[in-house]
């Protein structure tokens, strides 16, 4: 980001970008957990705990990823608008 580092709009935008980045990493990590749990469940046996872990990880990962991706695109668009 360029411009005045004390600008409250830029500070808020940077905070939103950091939060969105963390949520994206966490969401994709939860997808990874779901994948590994599913593969291990297929190898060992799909118990109720494995199914709950897979479905819960997918649901929580999706709930984190959707707003994180939207906010990330919004921050990028706002930065492009400020630079142009």
PDB file of N, CA and C in Angstrom:
ATOM      1  N   UNK A   1       0.837  -1.181   0.000  1.00  0.00           N
ATOM      2  CA  UNK A   1       0.000   0.000   0.000  1.00  0.00           C
ATOM      3  C   UNK A   1       0.877   1.239   0.000  1.00  0.00           C
ATOM      4  N   UNK A   2       0.444   2.231  -0.706  1.00  0.00           N
ATOM      5  CA  UNK A   2       1.189   3.476  -0.788  1.00  0.00           C
ATOM      6  C   UNK A   2       0.379   4.581  -0.151  1.00  0.00           C
ATOM      7  N   UNK A   3       1.003   5.722   0.019  1.00  0.00           N
ATOM      8  CA  UNK A   3       0.279   6.869   0.554  1.00  0.00           C
ATOM      9  C   UNK A   3       0.592   7.075   2.022  1.00  0.00           C
ATOM     10  N   UNK A   4      -0.251   7.850   2.675  1.00  0.00           N
ATOM     11  CA  UNK A   4      -0.078   8.218   4.068  1.00  0.00           C
ATOM     12  C   UNK A   4      -0.309   7.010   4.982  1.00  0.00           C
ATOM     13  N   UNK A   5       0.699   6.613   5.766  1.00  0.00           N
ATOM     14  CA  UNK A   5       0.517   5.450   6.648  1.00  0.00           C
ATOM     15  C   UNK A   5      -0.434   5.738   7.812  1.00  0.00           C
ATOM     16  N   UNK A   6      -0.711   7.025   8.083  1.00  0.00           N
ATOM     17  CA  UNK A   6      -1.611   7.378   9.176  1.00  0.00           C
ATOM     18  C   UNK A   6      -3.061   7.499   8.734  1.00  0.00           C
ATOM     19  N   UNK A   7      -3.336   7.263   7.463  1.00  0.00           N
ATOM     20  CA  UNK A   7      -4.693   7.353   6.933  1.00  0.00           C
ATOM     21  C   UNK A   7      -5.554   6.262   7.566  1.00  0.00           C
ATOM     22  N   UNK A   8      -6.635   6.627   8.276  1.00  0.00           N
ATOM     23  CA  UNK A   8      -7.447   5.613   8.951  1.00  0.00           C
ATOM     24  C   UNK A   8      -8.139   4.657   7.976  1.00  0.00           C
ATOM     25  N   UNK A   9      -8.437   5.103   6.771  1.00  0.00           N
ATOM     26  CA  UNK A   9      -9.067   4.219   5.790  1.00  0.00           C
ATOM     27  C   UNK A   9      -8.082   3.142   5.358  1.00  0.00           C
ATOM     28  N   UNK A  10      -6.843   3.552   5.111  1.00  0.00           N
ATOM     29  CA  UNK A  10      -5.816   2.577   4.719  1.00  0.00           C
ATOM     30  C   UNK A  10      -5.501   1.613   5.856  1.00  0.00           C
ATOM     31  N   UNK A  11      -5.493   2.114   7.080  1.00  0.00           N
ATOM     32  CA  UNK A  11      -5.253   1.245   8.230  1.00  0.00           C
ATOM     33  C   UNK A  11      -6.365   0.208   8.361  1.00  0.00           C
ATOM     34  N   UNK A  12      -7.587   0.646   8.205  1.00  0.00           N
ATOM     35  CA  UNK A  12      -8.735  -0.261   8.293  1.00  0.00           C
ATOM     36  C   UNK A  12      -8.702  -1.276   7.149  1.00  0.00           C
ATOM     37  N   UNK A  13      -8.318  -0.817   5.958  1.00  0.00           N
ATOM     38  CA  UNK A  13      -8.225  -1.699   4.797  1.00  0.00           C
ATOM     39  C   UNK A  13      -7.135  -2.746   5.018  1.00  0.00           C
ATOM     40  N   UNK A  14      -6.010  -2.339   5.586  1.00  0.00           N
ATOM     41  CA  UNK A  14      -4.918  -3.279   5.880  1.00  0.00           C
ATOM     42  C   UNK A  14      -5.361  -4.302   6.927  1.00  0.00           C
ATOM     43  N   UNK A  15      -6.106  -3.850   7.912  1.00  0.00           N
ATOM     44  CA  UNK A  15      -6.625  -4.761   8.927  1.00  0.00           C
ATOM     45  C   UNK A  15      -7.574  -5.780   8.296  1.00  0.00           C
ATOM     46  N   UNK A  16      -8.441  -5.323   7.408  1.00  0.00           N
ATOM     47  CA  UNK A  16      -9.365  -6.230   6.724  1.00  0.00           C
ATOM     48  C   UNK A  16      -8.603  -7.218   5.846  1.00  0.00           C
ATOM     49  N   UNK A  17      -7.532  -6.758   5.199  1.00  0.00           N
ATOM     50  CA  UNK A  17      -6.730  -7.634   4.351  1.00  0.00           C
ATOM     51  C   UNK A  17      -6.037  -8.710   5.186  1.00  0.00           C
ATOM     52  N   UNK A  18      -5.504  -8.334   6.341  1.00  0.00           N
ATOM     53  CA  UNK A  18      -4.852  -9.319   7.216  1.00  0.00           C
ATOM     54  C   UNK A  18      -5.859 -10.344   7.726  1.00  0.00           C
ATOM     55  N   UNK A  19      -7.034  -9.884   8.127  1.00  0.00           N
ATOM     56  CA  UNK A  19      -8.063 -10.797   8.622  1.00  0.00           C
ATOM     57  C   UNK A  19      -8.540 -11.733   7.517  1.00  0.00           C
ATOM     58  N   UNK A  20      -8.716 -11.210   6.317  1.00  0.00           N
ATOM     59  CA  UNK A  20      -9.135 -12.037   5.183  1.00  0.00           C
ATOM     60  C   UNK A  20      -8.066 -13.068   4.839  1.00  0.00           C
ATOM     61  N   UNK A  21      -6.814 -12.675   4.902  1.00  0.00           N
ATOM     62  CA  UNK A  21      -5.720 -13.606   4.620  1.00  0.00           C
ATOM     63  C   UNK A  21      -5.692 -14.738   5.646  1.00  0.00           C
ATOM     64  N   UNK A  22      -5.860 -14.397   6.905  1.00  0.00           N
ATOM     65  CA  UNK A  22      -5.894 -15.418   7.954  1.00  0.00           C
ATOM     66  C   UNK A  22      -7.082 -16.367   7.753  1.00  0.00           C
ATOM     67  N   UNK A  23      -8.243 -15.811   7.426  1.00  0.00           N
ATOM     68  CA  UNK A  23      -9.432 -16.644   7.211  1.00  0.00           C
ATOM     69  C   UNK A  23      -9.266 -17.554   5.998  1.00  0.00           C
ATOM     70  N   UNK A  24      -8.625 -17.054   4.938  1.00  0.00           N
ATOM     71  CA  UNK A  24      -8.358 -17.901   3.761  1.00  0.00           C
ATOM     72  C   UNK A  24      -7.434 -19.053   4.114  1.00  0.00           C
ATOM     73  N   UNK A  25      -6.350 -18.755   4.821  1.00  0.00           N
ATOM     74  CA  UNK A  25      -5.420 -19.827   5.224  1.00  0.00           C
ATOM     75  C   UNK A  25      -6.115 -20.852   6.107  1.00  0.00           C
ATOM     76  N   UNK A  26      -6.914 -20.380   7.039  1.00  0.00           N
ATOM     77  CA  UNK A  26      -7.620 -21.279   7.938  1.00  0.00           C
ATOM     78  C   UNK A  26      -8.654 -22.109   7.183  1.00  0.00           C
ATOM     79  N   UNK A  27      -9.390 -21.482   6.281  1.00  0.00           N
ATOM     80  CA  UNK A  27     -10.396 -22.201   5.498  1.00  0.00           C
ATOM     81  C   UNK A  27      -9.782 -23.291   4.642  1.00  0.00           C
ATOM     82  N   UNK A  28      -8.687 -22.969   3.934  1.00  0.00           N
ATOM     83  CA  UNK A  28      -8.029 -23.984   3.108  1.00  0.00           C
ATOM     84  C   UNK A  28      -7.425 -25.085   3.972  1.00  0.00           C
ATOM     85  N   UNK A  29      -6.925 -24.728   5.151  1.00  0.00           N
ATOM     86  CA  UNK A  29      -6.393 -25.741   6.068  1.00  0.00           C
ATOM     87  C   UNK A  29      -7.498 -26.692   6.521  1.00  0.00           C
ATOM     88  N   UNK A  30      -8.666 -26.155   6.774  1.00  0.00           N
ATOM     89  CA  UNK A  30      -9.791 -27.011   7.159  1.00  0.00           C
ATOM     90  C   UNK A  30     -10.204 -27.926   6.017  1.00  0.00           C
ATOM     91  N   UNK A  31     -10.115 -27.455   4.781  1.00  0.00           N
ATOM     92  CA  UNK A  31     -10.377 -28.327   3.636  1.00  0.00           C
ATOM     93  C   UNK A  31      -9.352 -29.455   3.599  1.00  0.00           C
ATOM     94  N   UNK A  32      -8.106 -29.125   3.908  1.00  0.00           N
ATOM     95  CA  UNK A  32      -7.060 -30.143   3.970  1.00  0.00           C
ATOM     96  C   UNK A  32      -7.326 -31.167   5.052  1.00  0.00           C
ATOM     97  N   UNK A  33      -7.772 -30.710   6.213  1.00  0.00           N
ATOM     98  CA  UNK A  33      -8.128 -31.623   7.305  1.00  0.00           C
ATOM     99  C   UNK A  33      -9.257 -32.545   6.863  1.00  0.00           C
ATOM    100  N   UNK A  34     -10.253 -31.988   6.188  1.00  0.00           N
ATOM    101  CA  UNK A  34     -11.376 -32.797   5.713  1.00  0.00           C
ATOM    102  C   UNK A  34     -10.904 -33.861   4.732  1.00  0.00           C
ATOM    103  N   UNK A  35     -10.005 -33.481   3.826  1.00  0.00           N
ATOM    104  CA  UNK A  35      -9.492 -34.428   2.834  1.00  0.00           C
ATOM    105  C   UNK A  35      -8.717 -35.561   3.504  1.00  0.00           C
ATOM    106  N   UNK A  36      -7.808 -35.202   4.405  1.00  0.00           N
ATOM    107  CA  UNK A  36      -7.002 -36.214   5.087  1.00  0.00           C
ATOM    108  C   UNK A  36      -7.888 -37.124   5.931  1.00  0.00           C
ATOM    109  N   UNK A  37      -8.843 -36.546   6.643  1.00  0.00           N
ATOM    110  CA  UNK A  37      -9.752 -37.354   7.457  1.00  0.00           C
ATOM    111  C   UNK A  37     -10.574 -38.291   6.587  1.00  0.00           C
ATOM    112  N   UNK A  38     -11.001 -37.828   5.427  1.00  0.00           N
ATOM    113  CA  UNK A  38     -11.790 -38.670   4.532  1.00  0.00           C
ATOM    114  C   UNK A  38     -10.954 -39.834   4.000  1.00  0.00           C
ATOM    115  N   UNK A  39      -9.734 -39.550   3.573  1.00  0.00           N
ATOM    116  CA  UNK A  39      -8.866 -40.603   3.042  1.00  0.00           C
ATOM    117  C   UNK A  39      -8.538 -41.614   4.137  1.00  0.00           C
ATOM    118  N   UNK A  40      -8.207 -41.129   5.320  1.00  0.00           N
ATOM    119  CA  UNK A  40      -7.938 -42.050   6.429  1.00  0.00           C
ATOM    120  C   UNK A  40      -9.193 -42.831   6.812  1.00  0.00           C
ATOM    121  N   UNK A  41     -10.333 -42.162   6.746  1.00  0.00           N
ATOM    122  CA  UNK A  41     -11.589 -42.846   7.044  1.00  0.00           C
ATOM    123  C   UNK A  41     -11.882 -43.942   6.043  1.00  0.00           C
ATOM    124  N   UNK A  42     -11.565 -43.716   4.784  1.00  0.00           N
ATOM    125  CA  UNK A  42     -11.745 -44.765   3.779  1.00  0.00           C
ATOM    126  C   UNK A  42     -10.821 -45.939   4.041  1.00  0.00           C
ATOM    127  N   UNK A  43      -9.604 -45.659   4.478  1.00  0.00           N
ATOM    128  CA  UNK A  43      -8.632 -46.717   4.728  1.00  0.00           C
ATOM    129  C   UNK A  43      -8.958 -47.497   5.999  1.00  0.00           C
ATOM    130  N   UNK A  44      -9.362 -46.793   7.039  1.00  0.00           N
ATOM    131  CA  UNK A  44      -9.587 -47.431   8.344  1.00  0.00           C
ATOM    132  C   UNK A  44     -11.052 -47.821   8.539  1.00  0.00           C
ATOM    133  N   UNK A  45     -11.937 -46.978   8.089  1.00  0.00           N
ATOM    134  CA  UNK A  45     -13.370 -47.193   8.267  1.00  0.00           C
ATOM    135  C   UNK A  45     -14.060 -45.884   8.561  1.00  0.00           C
ATOM    136  N   UNK A  46     -15.157 -45.650   7.872  1.00  0.00           N
ATOM    137  CA  UNK A  46     -15.878 -44.396   8.052  1.00  0.00           C
ATOM    138  C   UNK A  46     -16.786 -44.489   9.273  1.00  0.00           C
ATOM    139  N   UNK A  47     -16.254 -44.100  10.410  1.00  0.00           N
ATOM    140  CA  UNK A  47     -17.045 -44.074  11.638  1.00  0.00           C
ATOM    141  C   UNK A  47     -17.802 -42.752  11.707  1.00  0.00           C
ATOM    142  N   UNK A  48     -18.671 -42.646  12.671  1.00  0.00           N
ATOM    143  CA  UNK A  48     -19.432 -41.409  12.848  1.00  0.00           C
ATOM    144  C   UNK A  48     -18.549 -40.222  13.151  1.00  0.00           C
ATOM    145  N   UNK A  49     -17.487 -40.446  13.903  1.00  0.00           N
ATOM    146  CA  UNK A  49     -16.568 -39.359  14.261  1.00  0.00           C
ATOM    147  C   UNK A  49     -15.869 -38.826  13.007  1.00  0.00           C
ATOM    148  N   UNK A  50     -15.463 -39.727  12.124  1.00  0.00           N
ATOM    149  CA  UNK A  50     -14.788 -39.308  10.887  1.00  0.00           C
ATOM    150  C   UNK A  50     -15.743 -38.508  10.019  1.00  0.00           C
ATOM    151  N   UNK A  51     -16.972 -38.969   9.909  1.00  0.00           N
ATOM    152  CA  UNK A  51     -17.960 -38.259   9.086  1.00  0.00           C
ATOM    153  C   UNK A  51     -18.234 -36.876   9.659  1.00  0.00           C
ATOM    154  N   UNK A  52     -18.367 -36.764  10.960  1.00  0.00           N
ATOM    155  CA  UNK A  52     -18.604 -35.464  11.601  1.00  0.00           C
ATOM    156  C   UNK A  52     -17.399 -34.546  11.381  1.00  0.00           C
ATOM    157  N   UNK A  53     -16.186 -35.099  11.487  1.00  0.00           N
ATOM    158  CA  UNK A  53     -14.978 -34.300  11.264  1.00  0.00           C
ATOM    159  C   UNK A  53     -14.912 -33.794   9.832  1.00  0.00           C
ATOM    160  N   UNK A  54     -15.205 -34.663   8.872  1.00  0.00           N
ATOM    161  CA  UNK A  54     -15.155 -34.259   7.461  1.00  0.00           C
ATOM    162  C   UNK A  54     -16.207 -33.196   7.170  1.00  0.00           C
ATOM    163  N   UNK A  55     -17.435 -33.458   7.546  1.00  0.00           N
ATOM    164  CA  UNK A  55     -18.520 -32.512   7.252  1.00  0.00           C
ATOM    165  C   UNK A  55     -18.320 -31.199   8.006  1.00  0.00           C
ATOM    166  N   UNK A  56     -17.911 -31.286   9.265  1.00  0.00           N
ATOM    167  CA  UNK A  56     -17.673 -30.070  10.047  1.00  0.00           C
ATOM    168  C   UNK A  56     -16.539 -29.226   9.475  1.00  0.00           C
ATOM    169  N   UNK A  57     -15.463 -29.892   9.071  1.00  0.00           N
ATOM    170  CA  UNK A  57     -14.334 -29.168   8.478  1.00  0.00           C
ATOM    171  C   UNK A  57     -14.725 -28.503   7.166  1.00  0.00           C
ATOM    172  N   UNK A  58     -15.479 -29.213   6.348  1.00  0.00           N
ATOM    173  CA  UNK A  58     -15.931 -28.624   5.084  1.00  0.00           C
ATOM    174  C   UNK A  58     -16.866 -27.442   5.321  1.00  0.00           C
ATOM    175  N   UNK A  59     -17.778 -27.582   6.263  1.00  0.00           N
ATOM    176  CA  UNK A  59     -18.732 -26.502   6.540  1.00  0.00           C
ATOM    177  C   UNK A  59     -18.029 -25.271   7.105  1.00  0.00           C
ATOM    178  N   UNK A  60     -17.165 -25.481   8.077  1.00  0.00           N
ATOM    179  CA  UNK A  60     -16.466 -24.350   8.690  1.00  0.00           C
ATOM    180  C   UNK A  60     -15.490 -23.710   7.703  1.00  0.00           C
ATOM    181  N   UNK A  61     -14.798 -24.541   6.926  1.00  0.00           N
ATOM    182  CA  UNK A  61     -13.892 -24.007   5.914  1.00  0.00           C
ATOM    183  C   UNK A  61     -14.625 -23.161   4.889  1.00  0.00           C
ATOM    184  N   UNK A  62     -15.784 -23.634   4.451  1.00  0.00           N
ATOM    185  CA  UNK A  62     -16.585 -22.876   3.488  1.00  0.00           C
ATOM    186  C   UNK A  62     -17.086 -21.569   4.092  1.00  0.00           C
ATOM    187  N   UNK A  63     -17.510 -21.635   5.358  1.00  0.00           N
ATOM    188  CA  UNK A  63     -18.017 -20.434   6.028  1.00  0.00           C
ATOM    189  C   UNK A  63     -16.922 -19.388   6.197  1.00  0.00           C
ATOM    190  N   UNK A  64     -15.682 -19.823   6.330  1.00  0.00           N
ATOM    191  CA  UNK A  64     -14.573 -18.876   6.434  1.00  0.00           C
ATOM    192  C   UNK A  64     -14.122 -18.367   5.071  1.00  0.00           C
ATOM    193  N   UNK A  65     -14.095 -19.256   4.091  1.00  0.00           N
ATOM    194  CA  UNK A  65     -13.561 -18.881   2.785  1.00  0.00           C
ATOM    195  C   UNK A  65     -14.439 -17.893   2.030  1.00  0.00           C
ATOM    196  N   UNK A  66     -15.717 -18.071   2.053  1.00  0.00           N
ATOM    197  CA  UNK A  66     -16.596 -17.208   1.264  1.00  0.00           C
ATOM    198  C   UNK A  66     -16.413 -15.727   1.601  1.00  0.00           C
ATOM    199  N   UNK A  67     -16.579 -15.319   2.854  1.00  0.00           N
ATOM    200  CA  UNK A  67     -16.394 -13.883   3.132  1.00  0.00           C
ATOM    201  C   UNK A  67     -14.943 -13.437   2.966  1.00  0.00           C
ATOM    202  N   UNK A  68     -13.984 -14.333   3.251  1.00  0.00           N
ATOM    203  CA  UNK A  68     -12.576 -13.953   3.125  1.00  0.00           C
ATOM    204  C   UNK A  68     -12.220 -13.642   1.677  1.00  0.00           C
ATOM    205  N   UNK A  69     -12.704 -14.440   0.754  1.00  0.00           N
ATOM    206  CA  UNK A  69     -12.425 -14.201  -0.662  1.00  0.00           C
ATOM    207  C   UNK A  69     -13.084 -12.899  -1.121  1.00  0.00           C
ATOM    208  N   UNK A  70     -14.309 -12.674  -0.701  1.00  0.00           N
ATOM    209  CA  UNK A  70     -15.021 -11.452  -1.093  1.00  0.00           C
ATOM    210  C   UNK A  70     -14.320 -10.213  -0.533  1.00  0.00           C
ATOM    211  N   UNK A  71     -13.942 -10.252   0.735  1.00  0.00           N
ATOM    212  CA  UNK A  71     -13.251  -9.115   1.342  1.00  0.00           C
ATOM    213  C   UNK A  71     -11.892  -8.898   0.677  1.00  0.00           C
ATOM    214  N   UNK A  72     -11.187  -9.978   0.386  1.00  0.00           N
ATOM    215  CA  UNK A  72      -9.888  -9.859  -0.286  1.00  0.00           C
ATOM    216  C   UNK A  72     -10.010  -9.185  -1.636  1.00  0.00           C
ATOM    217  N   UNK A  73     -11.012  -9.585  -2.424  1.00  0.00           N
ATOM    218  CA  UNK A  73     -11.235  -8.931  -3.713  1.00  0.00           C
ATOM    219  C   UNK A  73     -11.621  -7.467  -3.527  1.00  0.00           C
ATOM    220  N   UNK A  74     -12.412  -7.184  -2.512  1.00  0.00           N
ATOM    221  CA  UNK A  74     -12.811  -5.805  -2.240  1.00  0.00           C
ATOM    222  C   UNK A  74     -11.628  -4.925  -1.883  1.00  0.00           C
ATOM    223  N   UNK A  75     -10.727  -5.442  -1.055  1.00  0.00           N
ATOM    224  CA  UNK A  75      -9.535  -4.679  -0.679  1.00  0.00           C
ATOM    225  C   UNK A  75      -8.659  -4.437  -1.908  1.00  0.00           C
ATOM    226  N   UNK A  76      -8.493  -5.458  -2.732  1.00  0.00           N
ATOM    227  CA  UNK A  76      -7.689  -5.305  -3.954  1.00  0.00           C
ATOM    228  C   UNK A  76      -8.301  -4.262  -4.885  1.00  0.00           C
ATOM    229  N   UNK A  77      -9.601  -4.305  -5.049  1.00  0.00           N
ATOM    230  CA  UNK A  77     -10.280  -3.334  -5.920  1.00  0.00           C
ATOM    231  C   UNK A  77     -10.160  -1.929  -5.363  1.00  0.00           C
ATOM    232  N   UNK A  78     -10.265  -1.780  -4.059  1.00  0.00           N
ATOM    233  CA  UNK A  78     -10.144  -0.451  -3.449  1.00  0.00           C
ATOM    234  C   UNK A  78      -8.733   0.090  -3.623  1.00  0.00           C
ATOM    235  N   UNK A  79      -7.738  -0.766  -3.511  1.00  0.00           N
ATOM    236  CA  UNK A  79      -6.360  -0.333  -3.713  1.00  0.00           C
ATOM    237  C   UNK A  79      -6.119   0.079  -5.168  1.00  0.00           C
ATOM    238  N   UNK A  80      -6.652  -0.695  -6.095  1.00  0.00           N
ATOM    239  CA  UNK A  80      -6.517  -0.330  -7.506  1.00  0.00           C
ATOM    240  C   UNK A  80      -7.193   1.007  -7.784  1.00  0.00           C
ATOM    241  N   UNK A  81      -8.347   1.217  -7.168  1.00  0.00           N
ATOM    242  CA  UNK A  81      -9.092   2.463  -7.367  1.00  0.00           C
ATOM    243  C   UNK A  81      -8.301   3.656  -6.820  1.00  0.00           C
ATOM    244  N   UNK A  82      -7.656   3.470  -5.671  1.00  0.00           N
ATOM    245  CA  UNK A  82      -6.864   4.551  -5.080  1.00  0.00           C
ATOM    246  C   UNK A  82      -5.630   4.869  -5.905  1.00  0.00           C
ATOM    247  N   UNK A  83      -5.015   3.853  -6.493  1.00  0.00           N
ATOM    248  CA  UNK A  83      -3.800   4.062  -7.282  1.00  0.00           C
ATOM    249  C   UNK A  83      -4.092   4.667  -8.644  1.00  0.00           C
ATOM    250  N   UNK A  84      -5.290   4.394  -9.174  1.00  0.00           N
ATOM    251  CA  UNK A  84      -5.606   4.846 -10.533  1.00  0.00           C
ATOM    252  C   UNK A  84      -6.252   6.141 -10.602  1.00  0.00           C
TER     253      UNK A  84
END
